[in-house]
Amino acid sequence: MSTLHIRDAHVADSELILHFVRELARYEKAEQEVIATRSDIEASIFGEQSTVRALICEADGQPIGFAVYFFNYSTWQGRRGLYLEDLYVSPEYRGGGAGKALLKHLARIAVDGGCGRFEWSVLDWNEPAIRFYESIGAKAKSEWVGYQLAGEALQAFSKG
């Protein structure tokens, strides 16, 4: 069994994070949608004004996965929450507890930070992830539907 270690990511991990982002996008059948560069990762996660944080998961000193998260806010709770943007473990390391370890680490950050909730999204076709999330007690949201403005639609709406 490998020894897992989770650490805060540093700016020197920017290329590694981008590598994991591309692997995740490939898994989600959306690799063509990744337009981020190493410089984008450096600025958006590690820049002075950034509110985003990242973790690196290592097995026996080898990077095997990552998580990117930020704090959001609930007016109903009057507290912040933790939103997991991405979590990914390389395929050859799945089933060894790395994903669960990353989620537990994030849950501790949320609890220690006084968060009222810990949230994320999953693609509706990703049955292995859905089963895993349900096995740890996570519940799918039932009445809420996510919306997004992006690309040309965002540009057009902002000018209208």
C-alpha atoms as a PDB file:
ATOM      1  CA  MET A   1       0.000   0.000   0.000  1.00  0.00           C
ATOM      2  CA  SER A   2       1.298   3.432  -0.943  1.00  0.00           C
ATOM      3  CA  THR A   3       1.778   6.170   1.604  1.00  0.00           C
ATOM      4  CA  LEU A   4      -0.514   9.065   0.690  1.00  0.00           C
ATOM      5  CA  HIS A   5       0.412  12.648   1.457  1.00  0.00           C
ATOM      6  CA  ILE A   6      -1.715  15.710   0.725  1.00  0.00           C
ATOM      7  CA  ARG A   7      -0.088  19.105   0.606  1.00  0.00           C
ATOM      8  CA  ASP A   8      -0.938  22.645  -0.387  1.00  0.00           C
ATOM      9  CA  ALA A   9       0.025  23.337  -3.983  1.00  0.00           C
ATOM     10  CA  HIS A  10       2.676  25.954  -4.729  1.00  0.00           C
ATOM     11  CA  VAL A  11       3.284  28.105  -7.789  1.00  0.00           C
ATOM     12  CA  ALA A  12       5.956  25.611  -8.915  1.00  0.00           C
ATOM     13  CA  ASP A  13       3.101  23.075  -9.260  1.00  0.00           C
ATOM     14  CA  SER A  14       1.348  25.125 -11.957  1.00  0.00           C
ATOM     15  CA  GLU A  15       2.435  22.885 -14.839  1.00  0.00           C
ATOM     16  CA  LEU A  16       1.514  19.778 -12.821  1.00  0.00           C
ATOM     17  CA  ILE A  17      -1.939  21.196 -12.076  1.00  0.00           C
ATOM     18  CA  LEU A  18      -2.437  21.974 -15.759  1.00  0.00           C
ATOM     19  CA  HIS A  19      -1.398  18.397 -16.579  1.00  0.00           C
ATOM     20  CA  PHE A  20      -4.053  17.053 -14.183  1.00  0.00           C
ATOM     21  CA  VAL A  21      -6.645  19.482 -15.582  1.00  0.00           C
ATOM     22  CA  ARG A  22      -5.993  18.127 -19.064  1.00  0.00           C
ATOM     23  CA  GLU A  23      -6.211  14.520 -17.816  1.00  0.00           C
ATOM     24  CA  LEU A  24      -9.521  15.321 -16.126  1.00  0.00           C
ATOM     25  CA  ALA A  25     -10.861  17.025 -19.260  1.00  0.00           C
ATOM     26  CA  ARG A  26      -9.840  13.985 -21.326  1.00  0.00           C
ATOM     27  CA  TYR A  27     -11.721  11.720 -18.884  1.00  0.00           C
ATOM     28  CA  GLU A  28     -14.766  14.007 -19.135  1.00  0.00           C
ATOM     29  CA  LYS A  29     -14.545  13.926 -22.951  1.00  0.00           C
ATOM     30  CA  ALA A  30     -13.932  17.675 -23.104  1.00  0.00           C
ATOM     31  CA  GLU A  31     -10.195  18.068 -23.626  1.00  0.00           C
ATOM     32  CA  GLN A  32     -10.787  20.561 -26.457  1.00  0.00           C
ATOM     33  CA  GLU A  33     -12.401  22.930 -23.949  1.00  0.00           C
ATOM     34  CA  VAL A  34      -9.221  23.420 -21.901  1.00  0.00           C
ATOM     35  CA  ILE A  35      -7.774  26.774 -22.916  1.00  0.00           C
ATOM     36  CA  ALA A  36      -5.843  27.444 -19.690  1.00  0.00           C
ATOM     37  CA  THR A  37      -2.070  27.856 -19.848  1.00  0.00           C
ATOM     38  CA  ARG A  38       0.537  27.488 -17.138  1.00  0.00           C
ATOM     39  CA  SER A  39       0.536  31.281 -16.816  1.00  0.00           C
ATOM     40  CA  ASP A  40      -3.250  31.253 -16.352  1.00  0.00           C
ATOM     41  CA  ILE A  41      -2.913  28.691 -13.551  1.00  0.00           C
ATOM     42  CA  GLU A  42      -0.133  30.706 -11.912  1.00  0.00           C
ATOM     43  CA  ALA A  43      -2.188  33.892 -11.966  1.00  0.00           C
ATOM     44  CA  SER A  44      -5.594  32.443 -11.110  1.00  0.00           C
ATOM     45  CA  ILE A  45      -4.559  30.109  -8.291  1.00  0.00           C
ATOM     46  CA  PHE A  46      -1.374  31.689  -6.956  1.00  0.00           C
ATOM     47  CA  GLY A  47      -1.786  35.357  -7.872  1.00  0.00           C
ATOM     48  CA  GLU A  48      -1.966  38.041  -5.207  1.00  0.00           C
ATOM     49  CA  GLN A  49      -5.732  38.562  -5.626  1.00  0.00           C
ATOM     50  CA  SER A  50      -6.595  34.852  -5.926  1.00  0.00           C
ATOM     51  CA  THR A  51      -9.307  33.306  -3.777  1.00  0.00           C
ATOM     52  CA  VAL A  52      -8.642  29.845  -5.217  1.00  0.00           C
ATOM     53  CA  ARG A  53      -6.572  27.158  -3.532  1.00  0.00           C
ATOM     54  CA  ALA A  54      -5.190  23.833  -4.666  1.00  0.00           C
ATOM     55  CA  LEU A  55      -3.977  20.599  -3.123  1.00  0.00           C
ATOM     56  CA  ILE A  56      -1.612  17.978  -4.498  1.00  0.00           C
ATOM     57  CA  CYS A  57      -1.990  14.330  -3.521  1.00  0.00           C
ATOM     58  CA  GLU A  58       1.170  12.232  -3.597  1.00  0.00           C
ATOM     59  CA  ALA A  59       1.745   8.493  -3.272  1.00  0.00           C
ATOM     60  CA  ASP A  60       5.231   7.616  -2.108  1.00  0.00           C
ATOM     61  CA  GLY A  61       6.368  11.113  -3.129  1.00  0.00           C
ATOM     62  CA  GLN A  62       4.875  10.873  -6.637  1.00  0.00           C
ATOM     63  CA  PRO A  63       2.073  13.337  -7.580  1.00  0.00           C
ATOM     64  CA  ILE A  64      -1.045  11.316  -8.399  1.00  0.00           C
ATOM     65  CA  GLY A  65      -3.888  13.805  -8.172  1.00  0.00           C
ATOM     66  CA  PHE A  66      -5.122  17.230  -7.234  1.00  0.00           C
ATOM     67  CA  ALA A  67      -8.039  19.262  -5.983  1.00  0.00           C
ATOM     68  CA  VAL A  68      -8.932  22.901  -6.643  1.00  0.00           C
ATOM     69  CA  TYR A  69     -11.365  24.690  -4.342  1.00  0.00           C
ATOM     70  CA  PHE A  70     -12.562  28.069  -3.142  1.00  0.00           C
ATOM     71  CA  PHE A  71     -14.825  29.464  -0.474  1.00  0.00           C
ATOM     72  CA  ASN A  72     -18.318  30.591  -1.411  1.00  0.00           C
ATOM     73  CA  TYR A  73     -21.084  32.007   0.768  1.00  0.00           C
ATOM     74  CA  SER A  74     -24.594  31.093   1.893  1.00  0.00           C
ATOM     75  CA  THR A  75     -26.880  33.978   2.810  1.00  0.00           C
ATOM     76  CA  TRP A  76     -29.313  31.460   4.321  1.00  0.00           C
ATOM     77  CA  GLN A  77     -26.668  30.105   6.666  1.00  0.00           C
ATOM     78  CA  GLY A  78     -24.834  33.382   7.101  1.00  0.00           C
ATOM     79  CA  ARG A  79     -21.624  31.394   6.697  1.00  0.00           C
ATOM     80  CA  ARG A  80     -19.135  30.567   4.058  1.00  0.00           C
ATOM     81  CA  GLY A  81     -18.949  27.216   2.370  1.00  0.00           C
ATOM     82  CA  LEU A  82     -16.268  25.289   0.560  1.00  0.00           C
ATOM     83  CA  TYR A  83     -16.798  24.607  -3.140  1.00  0.00           C
ATOM     84  CA  LEU A  84     -14.739  21.879  -4.788  1.00  0.00           C
ATOM     85  CA  GLU A  85     -14.150  22.891  -8.392  1.00  0.00           C
ATOM     86  CA  ASP A  86     -12.100  19.869  -9.453  1.00  0.00           C
ATOM     87  CA  LEU A  87     -10.815  16.664  -7.927  1.00  0.00           C
ATOM     88  CA  TYR A  88      -8.858  14.190  -9.985  1.00  0.00           C
ATOM     89  CA  VAL A  89      -6.746  11.099  -9.362  1.00  0.00           C
ATOM     90  CA  SER A  90      -4.777   9.529 -12.210  1.00  0.00           C
ATOM     91  CA  PRO A  91      -6.434   6.280 -13.375  1.00  0.00           C
ATOM     92  CA  GLU A  92      -3.609   3.968 -12.304  1.00  0.00           C
ATOM     93  CA  TYR A  93      -3.972   5.203  -8.698  1.00  0.00           C
ATOM     94  CA  ARG A  94      -7.755   4.977  -8.387  1.00  0.00           C
ATOM     95  CA  GLY A  95      -9.152   2.573  -5.831  1.00  0.00           C
ATOM     96  CA  GLY A  96      -6.280   3.172  -3.417  1.00  0.00           C
ATOM     97  CA  GLY A  97      -8.018   5.755  -1.256  1.00  0.00           C
ATOM     98  CA  ALA A  98      -6.546   8.927  -2.758  1.00  0.00           C
ATOM     99  CA  GLY A  99      -9.904  10.418  -3.775  1.00  0.00           C
ATOM    100  CA  LYS A 100     -11.394   9.728  -0.378  1.00  0.00           C
ATOM    101  CA  ALA A 101      -8.303  11.142   1.336  1.00  0.00           C
ATOM    102  CA  LEU A 102      -8.581  14.348  -0.703  1.00  0.00           C
ATOM    103  CA  LEU A 103     -12.282  14.690   0.159  1.00  0.00           C
ATOM    104  CA  LYS A 104     -11.598  14.084   3.880  1.00  0.00           C
ATOM    105  CA  HIS A 105      -8.805  16.662   3.796  1.00  0.00           C
ATOM    106  CA  LEU A 106     -11.173  19.180   2.203  1.00  0.00           C
ATOM    107  CA  ALA A 107     -13.915  18.323   4.710  1.00  0.00           C
ATOM    108  CA  ARG A 108     -11.473  19.081   7.549  1.00  0.00           C
ATOM    109  CA  ILE A 109     -10.607  22.418   5.922  1.00  0.00           C
ATOM    110  CA  ALA A 110     -14.340  23.189   5.704  1.00  0.00           C
ATOM    111  CA  VAL A 111     -15.048  22.217   9.305  1.00  0.00           C
ATOM    112  CA  ASP A 112     -11.957  23.974  10.673  1.00  0.00           C
ATOM    113  CA  GLY A 113     -12.892  27.072   8.648  1.00  0.00           C
ATOM    114  CA  GLY A 114     -16.424  27.235  10.056  1.00  0.00           C
ATOM    115  CA  CYS A 115     -18.061  26.363   6.741  1.00  0.00           C
ATOM    116  CA  GLY A 116     -21.720  25.430   6.758  1.00  0.00           C
ATOM    117  CA  ARG A 117     -21.398  23.140   3.759  1.00  0.00           C
ATOM    118  CA  PHE A 118     -19.032  21.451   1.334  1.00  0.00           C
ATOM    119  CA  GLU A 119     -20.320  21.273  -2.244  1.00  0.00           C
ATOM    120  CA  TRP A 120     -19.298  20.083  -5.681  1.00  0.00           C
ATOM    121  CA  SER A 121     -20.837  19.004  -8.973  1.00  0.00           C
ATOM    122  CA  VAL A 122     -20.562  15.745 -10.869  1.00  0.00           C
ATOM    123  CA  LEU A 123     -21.452  14.908 -14.453  1.00  0.00           C
ATOM    124  CA  ASP A 124     -24.707  12.961 -14.599  1.00  0.00           C
ATOM    125  CA  TRP A 125     -23.083  10.110 -16.552  1.00  0.00           C
ATOM    126  CA  ASN A 126     -20.232   9.588 -14.080  1.00  0.00           C
ATOM    127  CA  GLU A 127     -21.797   6.655 -12.220  1.00  0.00           C
ATOM    128  CA  PRO A 128     -18.587   5.527 -10.439  1.00  0.00           C
ATOM    129  CA  ALA A 129     -18.159   8.999  -8.921  1.00  0.00           C
ATOM    130  CA  ILE A 130     -21.860   9.278  -8.027  1.00  0.00           C
ATOM    131  CA  ARG A 131     -21.798   5.897  -6.257  1.00  0.00           C
ATOM    132  CA  PHE A 132     -18.627   6.904  -4.415  1.00  0.00           C
ATOM    133  CA  TYR A 133     -20.065  10.257  -3.294  1.00  0.00           C
ATOM    134  CA  GLU A 134     -23.240   8.604  -2.075  1.00  0.00           C
ATOM    135  CA  SER A 135     -21.180   6.000  -0.184  1.00  0.00           C
ATOM    136  CA  ILE A 136     -19.599   8.757   1.934  1.00  0.00           C
ATOM    137  CA  GLY A 137     -22.969  10.329   2.747  1.00  0.00           C
ATOM    138  CA  ALA A 138     -23.117  13.080   0.115  1.00  0.00           C
ATOM    139  CA  LYS A 139     -26.571  13.859  -1.261  1.00  0.00           C
ATOM    140  CA  ALA A 140     -27.463  15.041  -4.745  1.00  0.00           C
ATOM    141  CA  LYS A 141     -29.262  18.364  -4.816  1.00  0.00           C
ATOM    142  CA  SER A 142     -32.881  17.857  -5.920  1.00  0.00           C
ATOM    143  CA  GLU A 143     -34.572  21.100  -6.937  1.00  0.00           C
ATOM    144  CA  TRP A 144     -31.517  23.104  -7.912  1.00  0.00           C
ATOM    145  CA  VAL A 145     -30.359  23.246 -11.526  1.00  0.00           C
ATOM    146  CA  GLY A 146     -27.004  24.803 -12.332  1.00  0.00           C
ATOM    147  CA  TYR A 147     -26.783  27.527 -14.952  1.00  0.00           C
ATOM    148  CA  GLN A 148     -23.798  29.075 -16.645  1.00  0.00           C
ATOM    149  CA  LEU A 149     -23.024  32.022 -18.887  1.00  0.00           C
ATOM    150  CA  ALA A 150     -19.751  31.543 -20.737  1.00  0.00           C
ATOM    151  CA  GLY A 151     -17.928  32.503 -23.909  1.00  0.00           C
ATOM    152  CA  GLU A 152     -19.873  34.473 -26.490  1.00  0.00           C
ATOM    153  CA  ALA A 153     -23.111  34.326 -24.468  1.00  0.00           C
ATOM    154  CA  LEU A 154     -21.364  35.932 -21.493  1.00  0.00           C
ATOM    155  CA  GLN A 155     -19.783  38.590 -23.691  1.00  0.00           C
ATOM    156  CA  ALA A 156     -23.059  39.391 -25.404  1.00  0.00           C
ATOM    157  CA  PHE A 157     -25.058  39.560 -22.180  1.00  0.00           C
ATOM    158  CA  SER A 158     -22.491  41.809 -20.494  1.00  0.00           C
ATOM    159  CA  LYS A 159     -22.847  44.339 -23.336  1.00  0.00           C
ATOM    160  CA  GLY A 160     -26.634  44.200 -23.632  1.00  0.00           C
END
